[in-house]
Amino acid sequence: MEIKIRNLTTEQLKRLDELAKEHHLSRDKFISKIITNYLEDERFLTLHQTFFNNEVKEIIHQLQVSNHTIKQATQVISQGDTNGN
């Protein structure tokens, strides 16, 4: 598919050509590489965000379970202290 880029300033085009030259690519191939990398990075970040969101949910759940256990243990210890144990 062909993509046309318009409305770049002369300065921007000059910089684009410099960057393409540094990477030993034509302007078109350099732009294609930038777009491809962006799309792949976006997909990668979305997958990792989903993974980390799920991990955080699991950690929160485990912390809630641990907090509940600690509260129960504290109550048992407190009852033992009041009963003279």
C-alpha atoms as a PDB file:
ATOM      1  CA  MET A   1       0.000   0.000   0.000  1.00  0.00           C
ATOM      2  CA  GLU A   2       1.287   3.435  -0.801  1.00  0.00           C
ATOM      3  CA  ILE A   3       1.115   6.191   1.796  1.00  0.00           C
ATOM      4  CA  LYS A   4       1.599   9.817   0.877  1.00  0.00           C
ATOM      5  CA  ILE A   5       2.927  12.243   3.425  1.00  0.00           C
ATOM      6  CA  ARG A   6       2.109  15.886   2.964  1.00  0.00           C
ATOM      7  CA  ASN A   7       2.593  19.128   4.791  1.00  0.00           C
ATOM      8  CA  LEU A   8       6.134  18.534   5.988  1.00  0.00           C
ATOM      9  CA  THR A   9       8.293  21.579   6.168  1.00  0.00           C
ATOM     10  CA  THR A  10      11.516  21.835   4.211  1.00  0.00           C
ATOM     11  CA  GLU A  11      13.385  21.507   7.488  1.00  0.00           C
ATOM     12  CA  GLN A  12      11.478  18.326   8.387  1.00  0.00           C
ATOM     13  CA  LEU A  13      12.147  16.809   4.971  1.00  0.00           C
ATOM     14  CA  LYS A  14      15.821  17.629   5.289  1.00  0.00           C
ATOM     15  CA  ARG A  15      15.983  15.934   8.699  1.00  0.00           C
ATOM     16  CA  LEU A  16      14.033  12.933   7.384  1.00  0.00           C
ATOM     17  CA  ASP A  17      16.515  12.557   4.538  1.00  0.00           C
ATOM     18  CA  GLU A  18      19.442  12.817   6.973  1.00  0.00           C
ATOM     19  CA  LEU A  19      18.001  10.105   9.195  1.00  0.00           C
ATOM     20  CA  ALA A  20      17.254   7.854   6.237  1.00  0.00           C
ATOM     21  CA  LYS A  21      20.817   8.312   4.994  1.00  0.00           C
ATOM     22  CA  GLU A  22      22.215   7.463   8.451  1.00  0.00           C
ATOM     23  CA  HIS A  23      20.277   4.191   8.313  1.00  0.00           C
ATOM     24  CA  HIS A  24      21.326   3.538   4.706  1.00  0.00           C
ATOM     25  CA  LEU A  25      17.736   3.626   3.501  1.00  0.00           C
ATOM     26  CA  SER A  26      15.744   5.626   1.031  1.00  0.00           C
ATOM     27  CA  ARG A  27      13.266   8.116   2.452  1.00  0.00           C
ATOM     28  CA  ASP A  28      10.348   5.825   1.550  1.00  0.00           C
ATOM     29  CA  LYS A  29      11.912   2.737   3.119  1.00  0.00           C
ATOM     30  CA  PHE A  30      12.847   4.708   6.224  1.00  0.00           C
ATOM     31  CA  ILE A  31       9.272   5.982   6.631  1.00  0.00           C
ATOM     32  CA  SER A  32       7.949   2.439   6.123  1.00  0.00           C
ATOM     33  CA  LYS A  33      10.346   1.164   8.783  1.00  0.00           C
ATOM     34  CA  ILE A  34       9.233   3.873  11.240  1.00  0.00           C
ATOM     35  CA  ILE A  35       5.548   3.069  10.700  1.00  0.00           C
ATOM     36  CA  THR A  36       6.130  -0.686  10.965  1.00  0.00           C
ATOM     37  CA  ASN A  37       8.137  -0.297  14.173  1.00  0.00           C
ATOM     38  CA  TYR A  38       5.482   1.957  15.671  1.00  0.00           C
ATOM     39  CA  LEU A  39       2.699  -0.506  14.916  1.00  0.00           C
ATOM     40  CA  GLU A  40       4.681  -3.455  16.287  1.00  0.00           C
ATOM     41  CA  ASP A  41       5.640  -1.517  19.422  1.00  0.00           C
ATOM     42  CA  GLU A  42       2.035  -0.482  19.978  1.00  0.00           C
ATOM     43  CA  ARG A  43       0.876  -4.121  19.765  1.00  0.00           C
ATOM     44  CA  PHE A  44       3.726  -5.199  22.054  1.00  0.00           C
ATOM     45  CA  LEU A  45       2.838  -2.538  24.629  1.00  0.00           C
ATOM     46  CA  THR A  46      -0.848  -3.461  24.523  1.00  0.00           C
ATOM     47  CA  LEU A  47      -0.044  -7.122  25.186  1.00  0.00           C
ATOM     48  CA  HIS A  48       2.276  -6.229  28.056  1.00  0.00           C
ATOM     49  CA  GLN A  49      -0.199  -3.776  29.533  1.00  0.00           C
ATOM     50  CA  THR A  50      -2.832  -6.515  29.600  1.00  0.00           C
ATOM     51  CA  PHE A  51      -0.352  -8.918  31.199  1.00  0.00           C
ATOM     52  CA  PHE A  52       0.713  -6.416  33.877  1.00  0.00           C
ATOM     53  CA  ASN A  53      -2.875  -5.387  34.612  1.00  0.00           C
ATOM     54  CA  ASN A  54      -3.710  -9.033  35.255  1.00  0.00           C
ATOM     55  CA  GLU A  55      -0.608  -9.447  37.424  1.00  0.00           C
ATOM     56  CA  VAL A  56      -1.510  -6.380  39.493  1.00  0.00           C
ATOM     57  CA  LYS A  57      -5.052  -7.716  40.000  1.00  0.00           C
ATOM     58  CA  GLU A  58      -3.601 -11.013  41.239  1.00  0.00           C
ATOM     59  CA  ILE A  59      -1.171  -9.256  43.593  1.00  0.00           C
ATOM     60  CA  ILE A  60      -4.004  -7.129  45.011  1.00  0.00           C
ATOM     61  CA  HIS A  61      -6.054 -10.268  45.599  1.00  0.00           C
ATOM     62  CA  GLN A  62      -3.151 -11.982  47.353  1.00  0.00           C
ATOM     63  CA  LEU A  63      -2.567  -8.916  49.539  1.00  0.00           C
ATOM     64  CA  GLN A  64      -6.235  -8.888  50.515  1.00  0.00           C
ATOM     65  CA  VAL A  65      -6.054 -12.568  51.487  1.00  0.00           C
ATOM     66  CA  SER A  66      -2.858 -11.938  53.468  1.00  0.00           C
ATOM     67  CA  ASN A  67      -4.369  -8.932  55.237  1.00  0.00           C
ATOM     68  CA  HIS A  68      -7.429 -10.992  56.173  1.00  0.00           C
ATOM     69  CA  THR A  69      -5.200 -13.775  57.551  1.00  0.00           C
ATOM     70  CA  ILE A  70      -3.121 -11.270  59.555  1.00  0.00           C
ATOM     71  CA  LYS A  71      -6.292  -9.716  61.019  1.00  0.00           C
ATOM     72  CA  GLN A  72      -7.583 -13.133  62.054  1.00  0.00           C
ATOM     73  CA  ALA A  73      -4.233 -14.052  63.606  1.00  0.00           C
ATOM     74  CA  THR A  74      -4.130 -10.726  65.463  1.00  0.00           C
ATOM     75  CA  GLN A  75      -7.635 -11.342  66.840  1.00  0.00           C
ATOM     76  CA  VAL A  76      -6.673 -14.820  68.021  1.00  0.00           C
ATOM     77  CA  ILE A  77      -3.525 -13.479  69.699  1.00  0.00           C
ATOM     78  CA  SER A  78      -5.508 -10.642  71.301  1.00  0.00           C
ATOM     79  CA  GLN A  79      -8.120 -13.070  72.640  1.00  0.00           C
ATOM     80  CA  GLY A  80      -5.344 -15.229  74.087  1.00  0.00           C
ATOM     81  CA  ASP A  81      -3.883 -12.197  75.857  1.00  0.00           C
ATOM     82  CA  THR A  82      -7.241 -11.240  77.394  1.00  0.00           C
ATOM     83  CA  ASN A  83      -7.848 -14.840  78.516  1.00  0.00           C
ATOM     84  CA  GLY A  84      -4.478 -14.907  80.293  1.00  0.00           C
ATOM     85  CA  ASN A  85      -2.765 -17.222  77.806  1.00  0.00           C
END
